[in-house]
Amino acid sequence: MTVVARNHRTASGSGEVDLIAWDDQTLVFVEVKSRTSGDFGPPDRAIDEAKRQRLTRAALDYARRADIPLSSVRFDVVNVVLSTPPALTHYRDVFTIDSTNNPN
């Protein structure tokens, strides 16, 4: 993947996404979650419905500005556990934008 933006926020501050990258012809919005250990479960457990809505809002904003159709976007999550050695897990296509989670 080729990273094209980091920490993209909507102008209103109502949404934010950690990384935006191209994976061939797909624009990928990546949420990076980290924890110092796995004692309380994987970091992505912190992504609740409100966080998904903020991610979606930022993704819609970026895609609209870049004139990218929603059919060409994907949402990924990267879990980072800061153990020794650190553990990194990349989950592809964790959710989609549809009428049930579109915050507009």
PDB file of N, CA and C in Angstrom:
ATOM      1  N   MET A   1       0.838  -1.184   0.000  1.00  0.00           N
ATOM      2  CA  MET A   1       0.000   0.000   0.000  1.00  0.00           C
ATOM      3  C   MET A   1       0.879   1.242   0.000  1.00  0.00           C
ATOM      4  N   THR A   2       0.351   2.294  -0.574  1.00  0.00           N
ATOM      5  CA  THR A   2       1.037   3.579  -0.600  1.00  0.00           C
ATOM      6  C   THR A   2       0.234   4.575   0.227  1.00  0.00           C
ATOM      7  N   VAL A   3       0.802   5.043   1.321  1.00  0.00           N
ATOM      8  CA  VAL A   3       0.123   5.980   2.203  1.00  0.00           C
ATOM      9  C   VAL A   3       0.083   7.354   1.540  1.00  0.00           C
ATOM     10  N   VAL A   4      -1.126   7.955   1.503  1.00  0.00           N
ATOM     11  CA  VAL A   4      -1.293   9.268   0.880  1.00  0.00           C
ATOM     12  C   VAL A   4      -1.727  10.333   1.880  1.00  0.00           C
ATOM     13  N   ALA A   5      -2.165   9.932   3.069  1.00  0.00           N
ATOM     14  CA  ALA A   5      -2.563  10.906   4.094  1.00  0.00           C
ATOM     15  C   ALA A   5      -2.500  10.255   5.467  1.00  0.00           C
ATOM     16  N   ARG A   6      -2.238  11.089   6.460  1.00  0.00           N
ATOM     17  CA  ARG A   6      -2.228  10.637   7.855  1.00  0.00           C
ATOM     18  C   ARG A   6      -3.073  11.589   8.677  1.00  0.00           C
ATOM     19  N   ASN A   7      -3.791  11.032   9.647  1.00  0.00           N
ATOM     20  CA  ASN A   7      -4.591  11.822  10.581  1.00  0.00           C
ATOM     21  C   ASN A   7      -5.525  12.800   9.869  1.00  0.00           C
ATOM     22  N   HIS A   8      -6.246  12.306   8.871  1.00  0.00           N
ATOM     23  CA  HIS A   8      -7.202  13.154   8.147  1.00  0.00           C
ATOM     24  C   HIS A   8      -8.400  13.434   9.041  1.00  0.00           C
ATOM     25  N   ARG A   9      -8.736  14.711   9.172  1.00  0.00           N
ATOM     26  CA  ARG A   9      -9.901  15.135   9.955  1.00  0.00           C
ATOM     27  C   ARG A   9     -10.841  15.912   9.057  1.00  0.00           C
ATOM     28  N   THR A  10     -12.124  15.818   9.364  1.00  0.00           N
ATOM     29  CA  THR A  10     -13.091  16.646   8.663  1.00  0.00           C
ATOM     30  C   THR A  10     -12.902  18.080   9.127  1.00  0.00           C
ATOM     31  N   ALA A  11     -13.336  19.022   8.327  1.00  0.00           N
ATOM     32  CA  ALA A  11     -13.190  20.440   8.677  1.00  0.00           C
ATOM     33  C   ALA A  11     -13.898  20.763   9.989  1.00  0.00           C
ATOM     34  N   SER A  12     -15.001  20.084  10.246  1.00  0.00           N
ATOM     35  CA  SER A  12     -15.767  20.342  11.477  1.00  0.00           C
ATOM     36  C   SER A  12     -15.185  19.614  12.683  1.00  0.00           C
ATOM     37  N   GLY A  13     -14.246  18.702  12.437  1.00  0.00           N
ATOM     38  CA  GLY A  13     -13.674  17.926  13.530  1.00  0.00           C
ATOM     39  C   GLY A  13     -14.549  16.761  13.958  1.00  0.00           C
ATOM     40  N   SER A  14     -15.570  16.461  13.162  1.00  0.00           N
ATOM     41  CA  SER A  14     -16.517  15.407  13.538  1.00  0.00           C
ATOM     42  C   SER A  14     -16.069  14.004  13.134  1.00  0.00           C
ATOM     43  N   GLY A  15     -14.939  13.885  12.461  1.00  0.00           N
ATOM     44  CA  GLY A  15     -14.449  12.578  12.047  1.00  0.00           C
ATOM     45  C   GLY A  15     -12.951  12.615  11.829  1.00  0.00           C
ATOM     46  N   GLU A  16     -12.308  11.460  12.016  1.00  0.00           N
ATOM     47  CA  GLU A  16     -10.861  11.376  11.841  1.00  0.00           C
ATOM     48  C   GLU A  16     -10.496   9.944  11.470  1.00  0.00           C
ATOM     49  N   VAL A  17      -9.516   9.822  10.580  1.00  0.00           N
ATOM     50  CA  VAL A  17      -9.003   8.500  10.210  1.00  0.00           C
ATOM     51  C   VAL A  17      -7.484   8.572  10.266  1.00  0.00           C
ATOM     52  N   ASP A  18      -6.853   7.509  10.774  1.00  0.00           N
ATOM     53  CA  ASP A  18      -5.411   7.516  11.013  1.00  0.00           C
ATOM     54  C   ASP A  18      -4.580   7.528   9.734  1.00  0.00           C
ATOM     55  N   LEU A  19      -4.856   6.588   8.842  1.00  0.00           N
ATOM     56  CA  LEU A  19      -4.078   6.480   7.603  1.00  0.00           C
ATOM     57  C   LEU A  19      -5.008   6.304   6.416  1.00  0.00           C
ATOM     58  N   ILE A  20      -4.615   6.885   5.293  1.00  0.00           N
ATOM     59  CA  ILE A  20      -5.316   6.671   4.033  1.00  0.00           C
ATOM     60  C   ILE A  20      -4.263   6.226   3.031  1.00  0.00           C
ATOM     61  N   ALA A  21      -4.547   5.124   2.356  1.00  0.00           N
ATOM     62  CA  ALA A  21      -3.546   4.555   1.455  1.00  0.00           C
ATOM     63  C   ALA A  21      -4.216   3.960   0.228  1.00  0.00           C
ATOM     64  N   TRP A  22      -3.459   3.879  -0.840  1.00  0.00           N
ATOM     65  CA  TRP A  22      -3.910   3.184  -2.056  1.00  0.00           C
ATOM     66  C   TRP A  22      -3.372   1.762  -2.019  1.00  0.00           C
ATOM     67  N   ASP A  23      -4.248   0.807  -2.260  1.00  0.00           N
ATOM     68  CA  ASP A  23      -3.882  -0.594  -2.433  1.00  0.00           C
ATOM     69  C   ASP A  23      -4.367  -0.956  -3.832  1.00  0.00           C
ATOM     70  N   ASP A  24      -3.491  -0.846  -4.811  1.00  0.00           N
ATOM     71  CA  ASP A  24      -3.845  -0.941  -6.225  1.00  0.00           C
ATOM     72  C   ASP A  24      -4.903   0.116  -6.535  1.00  0.00           C
ATOM     73  N   GLN A  25      -6.096  -0.288  -6.923  1.00  0.00           N
ATOM     74  CA  GLN A  25      -7.151   0.661  -7.300  1.00  0.00           C
ATOM     75  C   GLN A  25      -8.138   0.943  -6.163  1.00  0.00           C
ATOM     76  N   THR A  26      -7.804   0.504  -4.956  1.00  0.00           N
ATOM     77  CA  THR A  26      -8.688   0.666  -3.802  1.00  0.00           C
ATOM     78  C   THR A  26      -8.110   1.694  -2.837  1.00  0.00           C
ATOM     79  N   LEU A  27      -8.924   2.655  -2.451  1.00  0.00           N
ATOM     80  CA  LEU A  27      -8.531   3.629  -1.439  1.00  0.00           C
ATOM     81  C   LEU A  27      -8.883   3.032  -0.075  1.00  0.00           C
ATOM     82  N   VAL A  28      -7.879   2.896   0.772  1.00  0.00           N
ATOM     83  CA  VAL A  28      -8.048   2.204   2.048  1.00  0.00           C
ATOM     84  C   VAL A  28      -7.956   3.202   3.197  1.00  0.00           C
ATOM     85  N   PHE A  29      -8.961   3.175   4.062  1.00  0.00           N
ATOM     86  CA  PHE A  29      -8.977   3.977   5.276  1.00  0.00           C
ATOM     87  C   PHE A  29      -8.600   3.044   6.416  1.00  0.00           C
ATOM     88  N   VAL A  30      -7.517   3.388   7.114  1.00  0.00           N
ATOM     89  CA  VAL A  30      -6.962   2.488   8.122  1.00  0.00           C
ATOM     90  C   VAL A  30      -7.045   3.120   9.502  1.00  0.00           C
ATOM     91  N   GLU A  31      -7.656   2.400  10.419  1.00  0.00           N
ATOM     92  CA  GLU A  31      -7.671   2.795  11.822  1.00  0.00           C
ATOM     93  C   GLU A  31      -6.597   1.973  12.524  1.00  0.00           C
ATOM     94  N   VAL A  32      -5.687   2.653  13.205  1.00  0.00           N
ATOM     95  CA  VAL A  32      -4.614   1.983  13.939  1.00  0.00           C
ATOM     96  C   VAL A  32      -4.936   2.069  15.425  1.00  0.00           C
ATOM     97  N   LYS A  33      -5.028   0.913  16.066  1.00  0.00           N
ATOM     98  CA  LYS A  33      -5.313   0.867  17.498  1.00  0.00           C
ATOM     99  C   LYS A  33      -4.161   0.156  18.184  1.00  0.00           C
ATOM    100  N   SER A  34      -3.731   0.706  19.327  1.00  0.00           N
ATOM    101  CA  SER A  34      -2.618   0.075  20.040  1.00  0.00           C
ATOM    102  C   SER A  34      -2.916  -0.015  21.529  1.00  0.00           C
ATOM    103  N   ARG A  35      -2.263  -0.973  22.150  1.00  0.00           N
ATOM    104  CA  ARG A  35      -2.318  -1.167  23.598  1.00  0.00           C
ATOM    105  C   ARG A  35      -0.938  -1.619  24.042  1.00  0.00           C
ATOM    106  N   THR A  36      -0.663  -1.371  25.296  1.00  0.00           N
ATOM    107  CA  THR A  36       0.645  -1.763  25.822  1.00  0.00           C
ATOM    108  C   THR A  36       0.740  -3.265  26.057  1.00  0.00           C
ATOM    109  N   SER A  37      -0.415  -3.925  26.200  1.00  0.00           N
ATOM    110  CA  SER A  37      -0.415  -5.381  26.364  1.00  0.00           C
ATOM    111  C   SER A  37      -1.744  -5.914  25.853  1.00  0.00           C
ATOM    112  N   GLY A  38      -1.822  -7.215  25.770  1.00  0.00           N
ATOM    113  CA  GLY A  38      -3.069  -7.851  25.353  1.00  0.00           C
ATOM    114  C   GLY A  38      -3.922  -8.282  26.524  1.00  0.00           C
ATOM    115  N   ASP A  39      -3.597  -7.824  27.727  1.00  0.00           N
ATOM    116  CA  ASP A  39      -4.297  -8.253  28.935  1.00  0.00           C
ATOM    117  C   ASP A  39      -5.794  -7.983  28.900  1.00  0.00           C
ATOM    118  N   PHE A  40      -6.204  -6.921  28.237  1.00  0.00           N
ATOM    119  CA  PHE A  40      -7.615  -6.553  28.211  1.00  0.00           C
ATOM    120  C   PHE A  40      -8.241  -6.772  26.837  1.00  0.00           C
ATOM    121  N   GLY A  41      -7.676  -7.681  26.078  1.00  0.00           N
ATOM    122  CA  GLY A  41      -8.208  -7.991  24.762  1.00  0.00           C
ATOM    123  C   GLY A  41      -7.510  -7.209  23.667  1.00  0.00           C
ATOM    124  N   PRO A  42      -7.867  -7.499  22.422  1.00  0.00           N
ATOM    125  CA  PRO A  42      -7.227  -6.832  21.293  1.00  0.00           C
ATOM    126  C   PRO A  42      -7.614  -5.358  21.229  1.00  0.00           C
ATOM    127  N   PRO A  43      -6.717  -4.523  20.713  1.00  0.00           N
ATOM    128  CA  PRO A  43      -6.980  -3.082  20.651  1.00  0.00           C
ATOM    129  C   PRO A  43      -8.237  -2.706  19.872  1.00  0.00           C
ATOM    130  N   ASP A  44      -8.576  -3.464  18.836  1.00  0.00           N
ATOM    131  CA  ASP A  44      -9.734  -3.089  18.027  1.00  0.00           C
ATOM    132  C   ASP A  44     -11.057  -3.214  18.770  1.00  0.00           C
ATOM    133  N   ARG A  45     -11.055  -3.779  19.950  1.00  0.00           N
ATOM    134  CA  ARG A  45     -12.287  -3.810  20.755  1.00  0.00           C
ATOM    135  C   ARG A  45     -12.740  -2.412  21.120  1.00  0.00           C
ATOM    136  N   ALA A  46     -11.838  -1.430  21.023  1.00  0.00           N
ATOM    137  CA  ALA A  46     -12.179  -0.043  21.344  1.00  0.00           C
ATOM    138  C   ALA A  46     -12.926   0.655  20.202  1.00  0.00           C
ATOM    139  N   ILE A  47     -13.124  -0.036  19.084  1.00  0.00           N
ATOM    140  CA  ILE A  47     -13.844   0.565  17.960  1.00  0.00           C
ATOM    141  C   ILE A  47     -15.325   0.245  18.118  1.00  0.00           C
ATOM    142  N   ASP A  48     -16.041   1.189  18.693  1.00  0.00           N
ATOM    143  CA  ASP A  48     -17.476   1.012  18.885  1.00  0.00           C
ATOM    144  C   ASP A  48     -18.241   1.685  17.746  1.00  0.00           C
ATOM    145  N   GLU A  49     -19.558   1.697  17.843  1.00  0.00           N
ATOM    146  CA  GLU A  49     -20.380   2.276  16.776  1.00  0.00           C
ATOM    147  C   GLU A  49     -20.091   3.758  16.582  1.00  0.00           C
ATOM    148  N   ALA A  50     -19.883   4.496  17.669  1.00  0.00           N
ATOM    149  CA  ALA A  50     -19.586   5.931  17.554  1.00  0.00           C
ATOM    150  C   ALA A  50     -18.269   6.146  16.807  1.00  0.00           C
ATOM    151  N   LYS A  51     -17.265   5.320  17.101  1.00  0.00           N
ATOM    152  CA  LYS A  51     -15.975   5.436  16.405  1.00  0.00           C
ATOM    153  C   LYS A  51     -16.131   5.085  14.935  1.00  0.00           C
ATOM    154  N   ARG A  52     -16.926   4.058  14.631  1.00  0.00           N
ATOM    155  CA  ARG A  52     -17.175   3.699  13.229  1.00  0.00           C
ATOM    156  C   ARG A  52     -17.825   4.856  12.490  1.00  0.00           C
ATOM    157  N   GLN A  53     -18.742   5.547  13.137  1.00  0.00           N
ATOM    158  CA  GLN A  53     -19.398   6.683  12.498  1.00  0.00           C
ATOM    159  C   GLN A  53     -18.409   7.816  12.239  1.00  0.00           C
ATOM    160  N   ARG A  54     -17.499   8.066  13.177  1.00  0.00           N
ATOM    161  CA  ARG A  54     -16.493   9.116  12.964  1.00  0.00           C
ATOM    162  C   ARG A  54     -15.543   8.734  11.833  1.00  0.00           C
ATOM    163  N   LEU A  55     -15.153   7.465  11.780  1.00  0.00           N
ATOM    164  CA  LEU A  55     -14.301   6.981  10.680  1.00  0.00           C
ATOM    165  C   LEU A  55     -15.023   7.123   9.345  1.00  0.00           C
ATOM    166  N   THR A  56     -16.277   6.732   9.322  1.00  0.00           N
ATOM    167  CA  THR A  56     -17.072   6.812   8.099  1.00  0.00           C
ATOM    168  C   THR A  56     -17.221   8.256   7.650  1.00  0.00           C
ATOM    169  N   ARG A  57     -17.491   9.141   8.584  1.00  0.00           N
ATOM    170  CA  ARG A  57     -17.650  10.562   8.258  1.00  0.00           C
ATOM    171  C   ARG A  57     -16.375  11.102   7.611  1.00  0.00           C
ATOM    172  N   ALA A  58     -15.220  10.792   8.187  1.00  0.00           N
ATOM    173  CA  ALA A  58     -13.947  11.264   7.633  1.00  0.00           C
ATOM    174  C   ALA A  58     -13.671  10.635   6.271  1.00  0.00           C
ATOM    175  N   ALA A  59     -13.998   9.351   6.128  1.00  0.00           N
ATOM    176  CA  ALA A  59     -13.790   8.667   4.844  1.00  0.00           C
ATOM    177  C   ALA A  59     -14.672   9.263   3.755  1.00  0.00           C
ATOM    178  N   LEU A  60     -15.932   9.504   4.076  1.00  0.00           N
ATOM    179  CA  LEU A  60     -16.832  10.116   3.099  1.00  0.00           C
ATOM    180  C   LEU A  60     -16.319  11.490   2.686  1.00  0.00           C
ATOM    181  N   ASP A  61     -15.836  12.248   3.647  1.00  0.00           N
ATOM    182  CA  ASP A  61     -15.300  13.583   3.365  1.00  0.00           C
ATOM    183  C   ASP A  61     -14.106  13.489   2.415  1.00  0.00           C
ATOM    184  N   TYR A  62     -13.161  12.602   2.731  1.00  0.00           N
ATOM    185  CA  TYR A  62     -11.960  12.471   1.907  1.00  0.00           C
ATOM    186  C   TYR A  62     -12.311  11.957   0.509  1.00  0.00           C
ATOM    187  N   ALA A  63     -13.150  10.927   0.440  1.00  0.00           N
ATOM    188  CA  ALA A  63     -13.516  10.352  -0.865  1.00  0.00           C
ATOM    189  C   ALA A  63     -14.234  11.385  -1.731  1.00  0.00           C
ATOM    190  N   ARG A  64     -15.106  12.169  -1.128  1.00  0.00           N
ATOM    191  CA  ARG A  64     -15.826  13.200  -1.887  1.00  0.00           C
ATOM    192  C   ARG A  64     -14.854  14.234  -2.429  1.00  0.00           C
ATOM    193  N   ARG A  65     -13.940  14.694  -1.588  1.00  0.00           N
ATOM    194  CA  ARG A  65     -12.965  15.700  -2.017  1.00  0.00           C
ATOM    195  C   ARG A  65     -12.034  15.169  -3.104  1.00  0.00           C
ATOM    196  N   ALA A  66     -11.704  13.879  -3.029  1.00  0.00           N
ATOM    197  CA  ALA A  66     -10.795  13.271  -4.015  1.00  0.00           C
ATOM    198  C   ALA A  66     -11.541  12.704  -5.219  1.00  0.00           C
ATOM    199  N   ASP A  67     -12.872  12.818  -5.214  1.00  0.00           N
ATOM    200  CA  ASP A  67     -13.717  12.309  -6.283  1.00  0.00           C
ATOM    201  C   ASP A  67     -13.513  10.809  -6.497  1.00  0.00           C
ATOM    202  N   ILE A  68     -13.519  10.056  -5.388  1.00  0.00           N
ATOM    203  CA  ILE A  68     -13.355   8.604  -5.414  1.00  0.00           C
ATOM    204  C   ILE A  68     -14.710   7.969  -5.133  1.00  0.00           C
ATOM    205  N   PRO A  69     -15.189   7.076  -5.990  1.00  0.00           N
ATOM    206  CA  PRO A  69     -16.480   6.422  -5.725  1.00  0.00           C
ATOM    207  C   PRO A  69     -16.390   5.500  -4.504  1.00  0.00           C
ATOM    208  N   LEU A  70     -17.476   5.423  -3.759  1.00  0.00           N
ATOM    209  CA  LEU A  70     -17.480   4.587  -2.554  1.00  0.00           C
ATOM    210  C   LEU A  70     -17.258   3.117  -2.871  1.00  0.00           C
ATOM    211  N   SER A  71     -17.539   2.723  -4.098  1.00  0.00           N
ATOM    212  CA  SER A  71     -17.286   1.330  -4.494  1.00  0.00           C
ATOM    213  C   SER A  71     -15.790   1.021  -4.544  1.00  0.00           C
ATOM    214  N   SER A  72     -14.952   2.050  -4.490  1.00  0.00           N
ATOM    215  CA  SER A  72     -13.498   1.866  -4.560  1.00  0.00           C
ATOM    216  C   SER A  72     -12.805   2.091  -3.225  1.00  0.00           C
ATOM    217  N   VAL A  73     -13.565   2.054  -2.111  1.00  0.00           N
ATOM    218  CA  VAL A  73     -12.949   2.258  -0.797  1.00  0.00           C
ATOM    219  C   VAL A  73     -13.085   1.006   0.059  1.00  0.00           C
ATOM    220  N   ARG A  74     -12.185   0.917   1.043  1.00  0.00           N
ATOM    221  CA  ARG A  74     -12.166  -0.214   1.965  1.00  0.00           C
ATOM    222  C   ARG A  74     -11.741   0.307   3.330  1.00  0.00           C
ATOM    223  N   PHE A  75     -12.210  -0.340   4.383  1.00  0.00           N
ATOM    224  CA  PHE A  75     -11.807   0.012   5.741  1.00  0.00           C
ATOM    225  C   PHE A  75     -11.003  -1.132   6.339  1.00  0.00           C
ATOM    226  N   ASP A  76      -9.808  -0.811   6.810  1.00  0.00           N
ATOM    227  CA  ASP A  76      -8.945  -1.789   7.471  1.00  0.00           C
ATOM    228  C   ASP A  76      -8.673  -1.337   8.897  1.00  0.00           C
ATOM    229  N   VAL A  77      -8.267  -2.289   9.723  1.00  0.00           N
ATOM    230  CA  VAL A  77      -7.842  -1.996  11.097  1.00  0.00           C
ATOM    231  C   VAL A  77      -6.493  -2.662  11.306  1.00  0.00           C
ATOM    232  N   VAL A  78      -5.583  -1.923  11.944  1.00  0.00           N
ATOM    233  CA  VAL A  78      -4.297  -2.483  12.332  1.00  0.00           C
ATOM    234  C   VAL A  78      -4.233  -2.458  13.852  1.00  0.00           C
ATOM    235  N   ASN A  79      -4.066  -3.638  14.446  1.00  0.00           N
ATOM    236  CA  ASN A  79      -3.873  -3.762  15.891  1.00  0.00           C
ATOM    237  C   ASN A  79      -2.381  -3.809  16.184  1.00  0.00           C
ATOM    238  N   VAL A  80      -1.968  -3.016  17.170  1.00  0.00           N
ATOM    239  CA  VAL A  80      -0.570  -3.038  17.610  1.00  0.00           C
ATOM    240  C   VAL A  80      -0.571  -3.290  19.107  1.00  0.00           C
ATOM    241  N   VAL A  81       0.086  -4.372  19.520  1.00  0.00           N
ATOM    242  CA  VAL A  81       0.261  -4.657  20.943  1.00  0.00           C
ATOM    243  C   VAL A  81       1.739  -4.472  21.232  1.00  0.00           C
ATOM    244  N   LEU A  82       2.030  -3.526  22.131  1.00  0.00           N
ATOM    245  CA  LEU A  82       3.410  -3.137  22.398  1.00  0.00           C
ATOM    246  C   LEU A  82       4.070  -4.077  23.399  1.00  0.00           C
ATOM    247  N   SER A  83       4.042  -5.359  23.060  1.00  0.00           N
ATOM    248  CA  SER A  83       4.710  -6.377  23.863  1.00  0.00           C
ATOM    249  C   SER A  83       6.147  -6.498  23.381  1.00  0.00           C
ATOM    250  N   THR A  84       6.872  -7.483  23.897  1.00  0.00           N
ATOM    251  CA  THR A  84       8.241  -7.721  23.441  1.00  0.00           C
ATOM    252  C   THR A  84       8.305  -9.113  22.842  1.00  0.00           C
ATOM    253  N   PRO A  85       8.429  -9.241  21.535  1.00  0.00           N
ATOM    254  CA  PRO A  85       8.434  -8.182  20.531  1.00  0.00           C
ATOM    255  C   PRO A  85       7.011  -7.673  20.285  1.00  0.00           C
ATOM    256  N   PRO A  86       6.886  -6.492  19.697  1.00  0.00           N
ATOM    257  CA  PRO A  86       5.549  -5.960  19.390  1.00  0.00           C
ATOM    258  C   PRO A  86       4.803  -6.891  18.428  1.00  0.00           C
ATOM    259  N   ALA A  87       3.491  -6.941  18.590  1.00  0.00           N
ATOM    260  CA  ALA A  87       2.649  -7.766  17.718  1.00  0.00           C
ATOM    261  C   ALA A  87       1.770  -6.848  16.888  1.00  0.00           C
ATOM    262  N   LEU A  88       1.762  -7.080  15.589  1.00  0.00           N
ATOM    263  CA  LEU A  88       0.981  -6.263  14.668  1.00  0.00           C
ATOM    264  C   LEU A  88       0.070  -7.186  13.865  1.00  0.00           C
ATOM    265  N   THR A  89      -1.220  -6.855  13.816  1.00  0.00           N
ATOM    266  CA  THR A  89      -2.184  -7.633  13.049  1.00  0.00           C
ATOM    267  C   THR A  89      -2.974  -6.684  12.159  1.00  0.00           C
ATOM    268  N   HIS A  90      -3.044  -7.016  10.869  1.00  0.00           N
ATOM    269  CA  HIS A  90      -3.744  -6.187   9.885  1.00  0.00           C
ATOM    270  C   HIS A  90      -5.012  -6.918   9.455  1.00  0.00           C
ATOM    271  N   TYR A  91      -6.167  -6.291   9.701  1.00  0.00           N
ATOM    272  CA  TYR A  91      -7.451  -6.836   9.286  1.00  0.00           C
ATOM    273  C   TYR A  91      -7.959  -6.027   8.108  1.00  0.00           C
ATOM    274  N   ARG A  92      -8.221  -6.697   7.006  1.00  0.00           N
ATOM    275  CA  ARG A  92      -8.689  -6.032   5.783  1.00  0.00           C
ATOM    276  C   ARG A  92     -10.210  -6.080   5.692  1.00  0.00           C
ATOM    277  N   ASP A  93     -10.762  -4.997   5.149  1.00  0.00           N
ATOM    278  CA  ASP A  93     -12.183  -4.939   4.820  1.00  0.00           C
ATOM    279  C   ASP A  93     -13.067  -5.255   6.025  1.00  0.00           C
ATOM    280  N   VAL A  94     -12.876  -4.509   7.111  1.00  0.00           N
ATOM    281  CA  VAL A  94     -13.582  -4.799   8.362  1.00  0.00           C
ATOM    282  C   VAL A  94     -15.028  -4.327   8.373  1.00  0.00           C
ATOM    283  N   PHE A  95     -15.364  -3.306   7.598  1.00  0.00           N
ATOM    284  CA  PHE A  95     -16.752  -2.897   7.427  1.00  0.00           C
ATOM    285  C   PHE A  95     -16.889  -2.070   6.170  1.00  0.00           C
ATOM    286  N   THR A  96     -18.116  -1.866   5.758  1.00  0.00           N
ATOM    287  CA  THR A  96     -18.393  -1.099   4.552  1.00  0.00           C
ATOM    288  C   THR A  96     -19.323   0.072   4.875  1.00  0.00           C
ATOM    289  N   ILE A  97     -19.371   1.036   3.981  1.00  0.00           N
ATOM    290  CA  ILE A  97     -20.309   2.132   4.109  1.00  0.00           C
ATOM    291  C   ILE A  97     -21.601   1.702   3.424  1.00  0.00           C
ATOM    292  N   ASP A  98     -22.672   1.733   4.185  1.00  0.00           N
ATOM    293  CA  ASP A  98     -23.992   1.441   3.611  1.00  0.00           C
ATOM    294  C   ASP A  98     -25.033   2.284   4.330  1.00  0.00           C
ATOM    295  N   SER A  99     -26.250   2.081   4.023  1.00  0.00           N
ATOM    296  CA  SER A  99     -27.319   2.907   4.597  1.00  0.00           C
ATOM    297  C   SER A  99     -27.463   2.713   6.092  1.00  0.00           C
ATOM    298  N   THR A 100     -26.956   1.603   6.642  1.00  0.00           N
ATOM    299  CA  THR A 100     -27.124   1.377   8.082  1.00  0.00           C
ATOM    300  C   THR A 100     -26.061   2.075   8.906  1.00  0.00           C
ATOM    301  N   ASN A 101     -24.902   2.396   8.323  1.00  0.00           N
ATOM    302  CA  ASN A 101     -23.872   3.066   9.122  1.00  0.00           C
ATOM    303  C   ASN A 101     -23.399   4.374   8.506  1.00  0.00           C
ATOM    304  N   ASN A 102     -24.130   4.910   7.540  1.00  0.00           N
ATOM    305  CA  ASN A 102     -23.787   6.197   6.943  1.00  0.00           C
ATOM    306  C   ASN A 102     -24.284   7.307   7.858  1.00  0.00           C
ATOM    307  N   PRO A 103     -23.374   8.102   8.433  1.00  0.00           N
ATOM    308  CA  PRO A 103     -23.782   9.092   9.421  1.00  0.00           C
ATOM    309  C   PRO A 103     -24.450  10.318   8.842  1.00  0.00           C
ATOM    310  N   ASN A 104     -24.566  10.430   7.537  1.00  0.00           N
ATOM    311  CA  ASN A 104     -25.178  11.630   6.934  1.00  0.00           C
ATOM    312  C   ASN A 104     -26.680  11.541   6.900  1.00  0.00           C
TER     313      ASN A 104
END
